Amino acid sequence: MSKGIGECAVTLEDVALILGLPTDGLPVTGMTLSSFEALEAECLHQFGVAPRKSECRGSCIKLSWLRDLKENLPLTDEVGIQRYVKCHIMLLIGTILFGDKSGAAGVHWKFLPLLREFGSIIQYSWGSACLAHLYRALCRASRVDCKGIDGPLTLLLGWAWMRLPYLSPVPREPRSFPLANRWRNWERGDRRYRYMKLADFRKAFDELQEGEEGQVCFN
């Protein structure tokens, strides 16, 4: 976490520790095509099957199609295993790394070409792209007419819970890596902030005195 006078920010180191993503390597970039025919051809090439138009939303493949495909893939050979892993990665991209305001209904197929060479997937700087996506989402959320936020909110929430532990649930697996696993299947229980509202947190932060960082007290 970078520190200045009254500021902090999510860094590449945070991304690597919280999500376990590589933060150096090849850039996550490429052509963006919108035709269904191109989407269909790419899916046929990588999965051996392709979604119907009703199983897509514009240039996005519905996550339900990817989930069904993943559950029904035979894991009897290397090809089946690789297709299974690619489905899992696409689901992570659509829900955790590059989610949007669609409610995690689909994932843009533009990421598929990056998965063509199975052994090269790890060579991409997924962490850098994820952080850039978060910054863009935060910029959009700061606009006066914005009513919601998208992006890698798991990263943002994990970062906030690490830096502001008095706000976080009790970690289930405190020694786990990636660090986001600390709160896997967490429950609020009877934590004292359970029934608090945004105004309560703002008031507590406003009342902080010099030297009390990380010691917010809720009555």
Protein backbone atom coordinates (compact mmCIF):
# COMPACT_ATOMS: atom_id res chain seq x y z
CA MET A 1 0.00 0.00 0.00
CA SER A 2 1.48 3.33 -0.97
CA LYS A 3 1.23 6.05 1.66
CA GLY A 4 1.22 9.80 1.48
CA ILE A 5 -0.44 12.55 3.43
CA GLY A 6 -4.00 11.36 3.80
CA GLU A 7 -3.96 8.93 0.89
CA CYS A 8 -3.51 5.25 0.14
CA ALA A 9 -3.89 3.10 -2.93
CA VAL A 10 -4.01 -0.49 -4.09
CA THR A 11 -0.64 -1.45 -5.59
CA LEU A 12 0.68 -4.25 -7.78
CA GLU A 13 2.15 -5.86 -4.68
CA ASP A 14 -1.33 -5.93 -3.14
CA VAL A 15 -2.71 -7.63 -6.25
CA ALA A 16 0.01 -10.28 -6.15
CA LEU A 17 -0.53 -11.01 -2.45
CA ILE A 18 -4.33 -10.79 -2.31
CA LEU A 19 -5.23 -12.59 -5.55
CA GLY A 20 -1.97 -14.41 -6.30
CA LEU A 21 -1.79 -13.05 -9.84
CA PRO A 22 1.43 -12.45 -11.80
CA THR A 23 2.24 -8.74 -12.09
CA ASP A 24 4.91 -8.91 -14.76
CA GLY A 25 5.09 -10.52 -18.15
CA LEU A 26 3.18 -10.10 -21.40
CA PRO A 27 0.53 -7.36 -21.63
CA VAL A 28 -3.11 -8.42 -21.55
CA THR A 29 -4.12 -6.90 -24.86
CA GLY A 30 -5.36 -7.82 -28.31
CA MET A 31 -7.98 -7.33 -30.99
CA THR A 32 -11.62 -6.80 -30.04
CA LEU A 33 -13.99 -8.27 -32.63
CA SER A 34 -17.75 -8.10 -32.28
CA SER A 35 -19.03 -10.63 -34.80
CA PHE A 36 -20.76 -13.75 -33.56
CA GLU A 37 -19.02 -15.74 -36.28
CA ALA A 38 -15.61 -14.85 -34.82
CA LEU A 39 -16.80 -15.76 -31.33
CA GLU A 40 -18.17 -19.06 -32.61
CA ALA A 41 -14.96 -19.92 -34.45
CA GLU A 42 -12.80 -19.20 -31.40
CA CYS A 43 -14.96 -21.35 -29.12
CA LEU A 44 -14.94 -24.21 -31.62
CA HIS A 45 -11.17 -23.99 -31.85
CA GLN A 46 -10.61 -24.02 -28.08
CA PHE A 47 -13.55 -25.98 -26.66
CA GLY A 48 -14.70 -28.11 -29.58
CA VAL A 49 -18.20 -26.65 -29.16
CA ALA A 50 -19.68 -23.18 -29.44
CA PRO A 51 -22.59 -21.39 -27.78
CA ARG A 52 -25.73 -20.53 -29.67
CA LYS A 53 -26.65 -16.87 -30.12
CA SER A 54 -29.20 -17.25 -27.33
CA GLU A 55 -26.33 -18.28 -25.04
CA CYS A 56 -24.47 -15.05 -25.72
CA ARG A 57 -25.13 -11.42 -24.89
CA GLY A 58 -23.63 -9.28 -27.60
CA SER A 59 -19.90 -10.08 -27.56
CA CYS A 60 -20.18 -11.80 -24.19
CA ILE A 61 -20.55 -15.51 -23.54
CA LYS A 62 -23.07 -16.21 -20.82
CA LEU A 63 -21.44 -17.59 -17.69
CA SER A 64 -24.17 -20.22 -17.45
CA TRP A 65 -22.94 -21.73 -20.74
CA LEU A 66 -19.36 -21.84 -19.51
CA ARG A 67 -20.43 -23.40 -16.20
CA ASP A 68 -22.44 -26.11 -17.96
CA LEU A 69 -19.57 -26.81 -20.32
CA LYS A 70 -17.09 -27.03 -17.45
CA GLU A 71 -19.27 -29.46 -15.51
CA ASN A 72 -19.73 -31.77 -18.49
CA LEU A 73 -16.22 -31.86 -19.91
CA PRO A 74 -14.58 -35.30 -19.79
CA LEU A 75 -11.29 -35.18 -17.88
CA THR A 76 -9.90 -38.34 -19.44
CA ASP A 77 -7.10 -36.76 -21.47
CA GLU A 78 -4.89 -33.65 -21.67
CA VAL A 79 -7.24 -31.89 -24.10
CA GLY A 80 -10.23 -32.26 -21.78
CA ILE A 81 -8.23 -31.05 -18.79
CA GLN A 82 -6.98 -27.99 -20.66
CA ARG A 83 -10.50 -27.11 -21.80
CA TYR A 84 -11.71 -27.46 -18.22
CA VAL A 85 -9.00 -25.09 -16.97
CA LYS A 86 -9.77 -22.58 -19.74
CA CYS A 87 -13.46 -22.60 -18.75
CA HIS A 88 -12.47 -21.98 -15.15
CA ILE A 89 -10.20 -19.08 -16.15
CA MET A 90 -12.95 -17.49 -18.24
CA LEU A 91 -15.33 -17.76 -15.28
CA LEU A 92 -12.74 -16.09 -13.03
CA ILE A 93 -12.27 -13.34 -15.61
CA GLY A 94 -16.02 -12.70 -15.83
CA THR A 95 -16.69 -12.73 -12.08
CA ILE A 96 -13.52 -11.83 -10.14
CA LEU A 97 -10.94 -10.12 -12.35
CA PHE A 98 -12.84 -8.10 -14.95
CA GLY A 99 -16.45 -8.10 -13.81
CA ASP A 100 -18.89 -5.45 -14.98
CA LYS A 101 -22.30 -4.11 -14.00
CA SER A 102 -24.12 -6.86 -15.86
CA GLY A 103 -24.35 -8.76 -12.60
CA ALA A 104 -21.74 -11.32 -13.67
CA ALA A 105 -24.03 -12.59 -16.42
CA GLY A 106 -21.36 -12.94 -19.08
CA VAL A 107 -17.70 -12.58 -20.01
CA HIS A 108 -16.38 -10.91 -23.16
CA TRP A 109 -14.89 -13.46 -25.54
CA LYS A 110 -11.95 -11.11 -26.33
CA PHE A 111 -9.99 -12.89 -23.58
CA LEU A 112 -10.21 -16.28 -25.29
CA PRO A 113 -7.37 -15.70 -27.80
CA LEU A 114 -5.03 -15.17 -24.85
CA LEU A 115 -5.75 -18.75 -23.77
CA ARG A 116 -4.94 -20.42 -27.09
CA GLU A 117 -1.43 -21.49 -26.07
CA PHE A 118 -2.08 -23.29 -22.79
CA GLY A 119 1.52 -23.13 -21.57
CA SER A 120 1.68 -19.37 -22.18
CA ILE A 121 -1.35 -18.36 -20.09
CA ILE A 122 0.80 -17.82 -16.98
CA GLN A 123 3.14 -15.52 -18.93
CA TYR A 124 0.58 -12.71 -19.08
CA SER A 125 0.55 -9.93 -16.49
CA TRP A 126 -2.99 -10.60 -15.32
CA GLY A 127 -2.38 -8.69 -12.09
CA SER A 128 -1.47 -5.47 -13.91
CA ALA A 129 -4.58 -5.68 -16.08
CA CYS A 130 -6.75 -6.39 -13.05
CA LEU A 131 -5.36 -3.36 -11.18
CA ALA A 132 -5.86 -1.12 -14.21
CA HIS A 133 -9.46 -2.34 -14.44
CA LEU A 134 -9.98 -1.50 -10.76
CA TYR A 135 -8.60 2.04 -11.19
CA ARG A 136 -10.88 2.59 -14.17
CA ALA A 137 -13.88 1.32 -12.20
CA LEU A 138 -13.04 3.61 -9.27
CA CYS A 139 -12.75 6.60 -11.62
CA ARG A 140 -16.18 5.85 -13.09
CA ALA A 141 -17.65 5.38 -9.62
CA SER A 142 -16.42 8.84 -8.57
CA ARG A 143 -18.65 10.58 -11.10
CA VAL A 144 -21.60 12.41 -9.65
CA ASP A 145 -24.10 10.58 -11.86
CA CYS A 146 -22.76 7.08 -11.09
CA LYS A 147 -25.02 4.88 -8.96
CA GLY A 148 -22.92 1.71 -8.77
CA ILE A 149 -19.44 0.29 -9.09
CA ASP A 150 -18.06 -2.70 -10.97
CA GLY A 151 -14.60 -4.15 -11.45
CA PRO A 152 -12.53 -6.53 -9.29
CA LEU A 153 -14.38 -5.87 -6.05
CA THR A 154 -12.91 -8.97 -4.42
CA LEU A 155 -9.51 -7.27 -4.71
CA LEU A 156 -10.84 -3.99 -3.33
CA LEU A 157 -12.65 -5.66 -0.43
CA GLY A 158 -9.69 -7.87 0.44
CA TRP A 159 -7.38 -4.84 0.39
CA ALA A 160 -9.74 -2.88 2.64
CA TRP A 161 -10.04 -5.73 5.12
CA MET A 162 -6.24 -6.12 5.24
CA ARG A 163 -5.59 -2.41 5.75
CA LEU A 164 -8.57 -1.79 8.04
CA PRO A 165 -8.72 -5.03 10.06
CA TYR A 166 -11.17 -3.55 12.57
CA LEU A 167 -13.74 -3.58 9.74
CA SER A 168 -13.07 -7.13 8.58
CA PRO A 169 -14.61 -10.42 9.65
CA VAL A 170 -12.40 -12.81 11.60
CA PRO A 171 -10.19 -14.62 9.05
CA ARG A 172 -11.07 -18.29 8.64
CA GLU A 173 -7.63 -19.20 7.29
CA PRO A 174 -5.17 -16.52 8.54
CA ARG A 175 -2.08 -18.20 7.03
CA SER A 176 -3.49 -18.87 3.57
CA PHE A 177 -2.24 -17.63 0.20
CA PRO A 178 -3.55 -15.87 -1.80
CA LEU A 179 -4.57 -13.66 1.10
CA ALA A 180 -8.15 -13.38 -0.17
CA ASN A 181 -8.60 -16.99 0.97
CA ARG A 182 -8.45 -15.78 4.56
CA TRP A 183 -12.13 -14.87 4.36
CA ARG A 184 -13.35 -17.77 2.26
CA ASN A 185 -16.86 -18.75 3.43
CA TRP A 186 -16.77 -16.10 6.15
CA GLU A 187 -19.74 -15.18 8.30
CA ARG A 188 -20.43 -11.90 10.06
CA GLY A 189 -21.51 -13.56 13.29
CA ASP A 190 -22.18 -11.05 16.02
CA ARG A 191 -19.47 -8.55 15.04
CA ARG A 192 -20.33 -5.17 16.50
CA TYR A 193 -20.43 -3.45 13.10
CA ARG A 194 -23.09 -5.88 11.88
CA TYR A 195 -25.94 -3.37 12.13
CA MET A 196 -23.94 -0.21 11.46
CA LYS A 197 -24.55 2.07 8.52
CA LEU A 198 -22.24 4.13 6.29
CA ALA A 199 -22.84 7.23 8.43
CA ASP A 200 -21.50 5.41 11.49
CA PHE A 201 -18.24 4.55 9.76
CA ARG A 202 -17.83 8.08 8.41
CA LYS A 203 -18.36 9.53 11.88
CA ALA A 204 -15.75 7.17 13.36
CA PHE A 205 -13.19 8.15 10.73
CA ASP A 206 -13.92 11.87 11.21
CA GLU A 207 -13.23 11.52 14.93
CA LEU A 208 -9.81 9.92 14.44
CA GLN A 209 -7.00 11.75 16.25
CA GLU A 210 -3.35 11.95 15.21
CA GLY A 211 -1.59 8.65 15.86
CA GLU A 212 -4.82 6.64 16.03
CA GLU A 213 -4.69 5.18 12.48
CA GLY A 214 -5.95 1.62 12.56
CA GLN A 215 -7.68 2.16 15.91
CA VAL A 216 -11.16 3.22 14.95
CA CYS A 217 -13.51 2.56 17.86
CA PHE A 218 -17.23 1.81 17.42
CA ASN A 219 -19.46 2.26 20.43
